[in-house]
Protein backbone atom coordinates (compact mmCIF):
# COMPACT_ATOMS: atom_id res chain seq x y z
CA UNK A 1 0.00 0.00 0.00
CA UNK A 2 2.80 2.42 0.90
CA UNK A 3 4.55 1.60 -2.37
CA UNK A 4 1.40 2.37 -4.36
CA UNK A 5 0.98 5.69 -2.56
CA UNK A 6 4.64 6.55 -3.19
CA UNK A 7 4.40 5.65 -6.87
CA UNK A 8 1.19 7.66 -7.23
CA UNK A 9 2.82 10.63 -5.48
CA UNK A 10 5.83 10.45 -7.81
CA UNK A 11 3.50 10.27 -10.79
CA UNK A 12 1.58 13.36 -9.68
CA UNK A 13 4.84 15.18 -8.98
CA UNK A 14 6.02 14.30 -12.49
CA UNK A 15 2.85 15.73 -14.02
CA UNK A 16 3.13 19.00 -12.09
CA UNK A 17 6.75 19.52 -13.08
CA UNK A 18 6.39 18.83 -16.81
CA UNK A 19 5.94 22.50 -17.67
CA UNK A 20 9.46 23.50 -16.59
CA UNK A 21 12.36 23.56 -19.02
CA UNK A 22 14.81 21.71 -16.78
CA UNK A 23 13.93 18.63 -14.81
CA UNK A 24 15.73 16.58 -12.21
CA UNK A 25 13.41 13.60 -12.32
CA UNK A 26 13.95 10.76 -14.73
CA UNK A 27 10.44 9.35 -14.80
CA UNK A 28 8.14 8.24 -17.58
CA UNK A 29 4.47 7.41 -17.06
CA UNK A 30 2.50 4.78 -18.93
CA UNK A 31 -1.25 4.29 -18.67
CA UNK A 32 -2.52 0.92 -19.91
CA UNK A 33 -6.28 0.40 -20.20
CA UNK A 34 -8.15 -2.64 -21.44
CA UNK A 35 -11.28 -1.73 -23.43
CA UNK A 36 -13.20 -5.04 -23.64
CA UNK A 37 -15.94 -3.57 -25.83
CA UNK A 38 -13.29 -2.66 -28.43
CA UNK A 39 -11.23 -5.81 -27.73
CA UNK A 40 -8.10 -3.70 -27.40
CA UNK A 41 -5.49 -2.45 -25.00
CA UNK A 42 -4.94 1.30 -25.13
CA UNK A 43 -1.57 2.69 -24.04
CA UNK A 44 -0.61 6.30 -23.38
CA UNK A 45 3.00 7.20 -22.58
CA UNK A 46 4.44 10.42 -21.17
CA UNK A 47 8.21 10.66 -21.58
CA UNK A 48 10.55 13.63 -21.21
CA UNK A 49 11.53 14.23 -24.82
CA UNK A 50 15.12 15.29 -24.07
CA UNK A 51 15.82 12.02 -22.22
CA UNK A 52 14.26 10.05 -25.06
CA UNK A 53 16.22 11.93 -27.73
CA UNK A 54 19.44 11.37 -25.76
CA UNK A 55 18.79 7.63 -25.49
CA UNK A 56 17.98 7.36 -29.18
CA UNK A 57 21.06 9.38 -30.14
CA UNK A 58 23.25 7.18 -27.97
CA UNK A 59 21.82 3.98 -29.45
CA UNK A 60 21.80 5.03 -33.11
CA UNK A 61 24.78 7.45 -32.96
CA UNK A 62 22.76 10.13 -34.70
CA UNK A 63 21.18 13.36 -33.47
CA UNK A 64 17.45 12.80 -32.94
CA UNK A 65 14.94 15.66 -32.83
CA UNK A 66 11.63 14.12 -31.77
CA UNK A 67 9.09 16.72 -30.72
CA UNK A 68 10.80 19.63 -32.43
CA UNK A 69 10.51 21.50 -35.72
CA UNK A 70 13.62 19.61 -36.89
CA UNK A 71 11.99 16.18 -36.46
CA UNK A 72 12.40 13.98 -39.52
CA UNK A 73 10.60 10.87 -40.74
CA UNK A 74 13.79 8.95 -39.94
CA UNK A 75 13.63 10.18 -36.32
CA UNK A 76 10.12 8.77 -36.02
CA UNK A 77 11.16 5.50 -37.67
CA UNK A 78 14.09 5.09 -35.26
CA UNK A 79 11.78 5.88 -32.33
CA UNK A 80 9.34 3.15 -33.40
CA UNK A 81 12.23 0.70 -33.89
CA UNK A 82 13.61 1.57 -30.44
CA UNK A 83 10.23 1.08 -28.78
CA UNK A 84 9.70 -2.29 -30.48
CA UNK A 85 13.02 -3.40 -28.99
CA UNK A 86 12.69 -1.87 -25.51
CA UNK A 87 8.94 -2.21 -24.80
CA UNK A 88 6.57 -5.10 -25.31
CA UNK A 89 3.54 -6.69 -23.74
CA UNK A 90 2.67 -10.37 -23.98
CA UNK A 91 -1.01 -11.11 -23.51
CA UNK A 92 -1.76 -14.59 -22.15
CA UNK A 93 1.80 -15.61 -23.02
CA UNK A 94 1.65 -14.40 -26.63
CA UNK A 95 3.57 -11.39 -27.96
CA UNK A 96 1.18 -8.91 -29.53
CA UNK A 97 2.18 -6.10 -31.90
CA UNK A 98 1.93 -2.64 -30.40
CA UNK A 99 0.56 -0.22 -32.99
CA UNK A 100 1.78 3.38 -32.84
CA UNK A 101 -1.20 5.71 -33.32
CA UNK A 102 0.05 9.26 -32.78
CA UNK A 103 2.11 11.60 -30.63
CA UNK A 104 1.98 15.16 -29.37
CA UNK A 105 4.03 17.49 -27.22
CA UNK A 106 2.89 18.85 -23.85
CA UNK A 107 5.62 21.22 -22.72
CA UNK A 108 8.79 19.13 -22.72
CA UNK A 109 6.92 15.83 -22.51
CA UNK A 110 6.26 13.62 -25.51
CA UNK A 111 2.83 11.99 -25.22
CA UNK A 112 2.38 8.91 -27.40
CA UNK A 113 -0.68 6.79 -28.08
CA UNK A 114 -0.56 3.07 -28.88
CA UNK A 115 -2.96 0.16 -29.12
CA UNK A 116 -2.90 -3.61 -29.11
CA UNK A 117 -5.85 -5.05 -31.04
CA UNK A 118 -7.78 -8.34 -31.03
CA UNK A 119 -7.62 -8.92 -27.28
CA UNK A 120 -10.69 -11.00 -26.39
CA UNK A 121 -9.72 -11.92 -22.83
CA UNK A 122 -6.81 -11.17 -20.49
CA UNK A 123 -5.49 -13.74 -18.05
CA UNK A 124 -1.90 -12.50 -17.85
CA UNK A 125 0.16 -9.54 -18.98
CA UNK A 126 3.91 -10.05 -19.26
CA UNK A 127 5.56 -6.65 -19.63
CA UNK A 128 9.09 -5.69 -20.64
CA UNK A 129 9.95 -1.99 -20.34
CA UNK A 130 13.57 -0.88 -20.74
CA UNK A 131 12.80 2.46 -22.42
CA UNK A 132 15.59 4.87 -21.42
CA UNK A 133 16.52 2.72 -18.38
CA UNK A 134 19.44 1.00 -20.06
CA UNK A 135 22.36 3.30 -19.50
CA UNK A 136 20.45 5.64 -17.18
CA UNK A 137 20.34 4.26 -13.65
CA UNK A 138 18.11 7.13 -12.49
CA UNK A 139 15.33 6.51 -15.03
CA UNK A 140 12.12 4.97 -13.73
CA UNK A 141 9.13 3.93 -15.81
CA UNK A 142 5.86 3.82 -13.90
CA UNK A 143 3.09 1.83 -15.53
CA UNK A 144 -0.51 2.07 -14.34
CA UNK A 145 -2.89 -0.67 -15.49
CA UNK A 146 -6.68 -0.74 -15.51
CA UNK A 147 -7.98 -4.13 -16.63
CA UNK A 148 -11.64 -5.01 -16.02
CA UNK A 149 -11.78 -2.60 -13.10
CA UNK A 150 -8.63 -4.00 -11.46
CA UNK A 151 -5.92 -1.38 -11.03
CA UNK A 152 -2.23 -2.25 -10.73
CA UNK A 153 1.01 -0.31 -10.85
CA UNK A 154 4.45 -1.59 -11.82
CA UNK A 155 7.77 0.21 -11.53
CA UNK A 156 10.52 -0.48 -14.06
CA UNK A 157 14.15 0.59 -13.69
CA UNK A 158 17.60 -0.35 -14.87
CA UNK A 159 17.67 -3.28 -12.43
CA UNK A 160 14.06 -4.38 -13.00
CA UNK A 161 12.72 -4.31 -16.57
CA UNK A 162 10.15 -7.12 -16.44
CA UNK A 163 6.81 -7.54 -14.73
CA UNK A 164 3.92 -10.00 -14.70
CA UNK A 165 0.27 -9.35 -13.86
CA UNK A 166 -2.34 -12.10 -13.44
CA UNK A 167 -6.08 -11.57 -13.75
C-alpha cells in the first residue's frame, strides 16, 4: 500500500513539473487500459523528450529531434524501432504487436498513443519496459494498469525491466 501511494505521489509530482524547461526527475508514465468492448489495449505514454532523444542518439549514434521542428521521418522511424526493442507486452503468453497511433508534445513531454488489437480476454500480462533505463540508472518507468476494473502499478528501472500481472 505504501509503495502504491509513493508511486502515485511520484506520478503526480512528475505531471506537475512537466511544464518546466529543466527537470531533475527521470520518470516516464504509462497508462494501460483494457477496453473489452473494443477488444483492445490502449496505451498512453508520457516521456521527457530530451531524455528520449538522448537515449535514441546514444543507441543510433545520430542526433534525434523528436518533438521539435527539426523532427524527420527517420527520427520517427528510429523511435518506433527503439520502442519495439525496448517495450513489449505479452497477452496470455503471446507477444502482440503494439501499434503506434500518434504523438503530441505537452511542454517538454512527448505523449504517445498506442494500441494492441484483437484482445478477447486477459489472463496475464507479461511486460518488458527498458525504455531509457538501459544506461540511465536514475530513469524509472511507472506503468498504471486498468484491466476489467482491477488497477495495478508496476515500476521499471535499470535493475528491473520485467513484470507480470495475473487476472
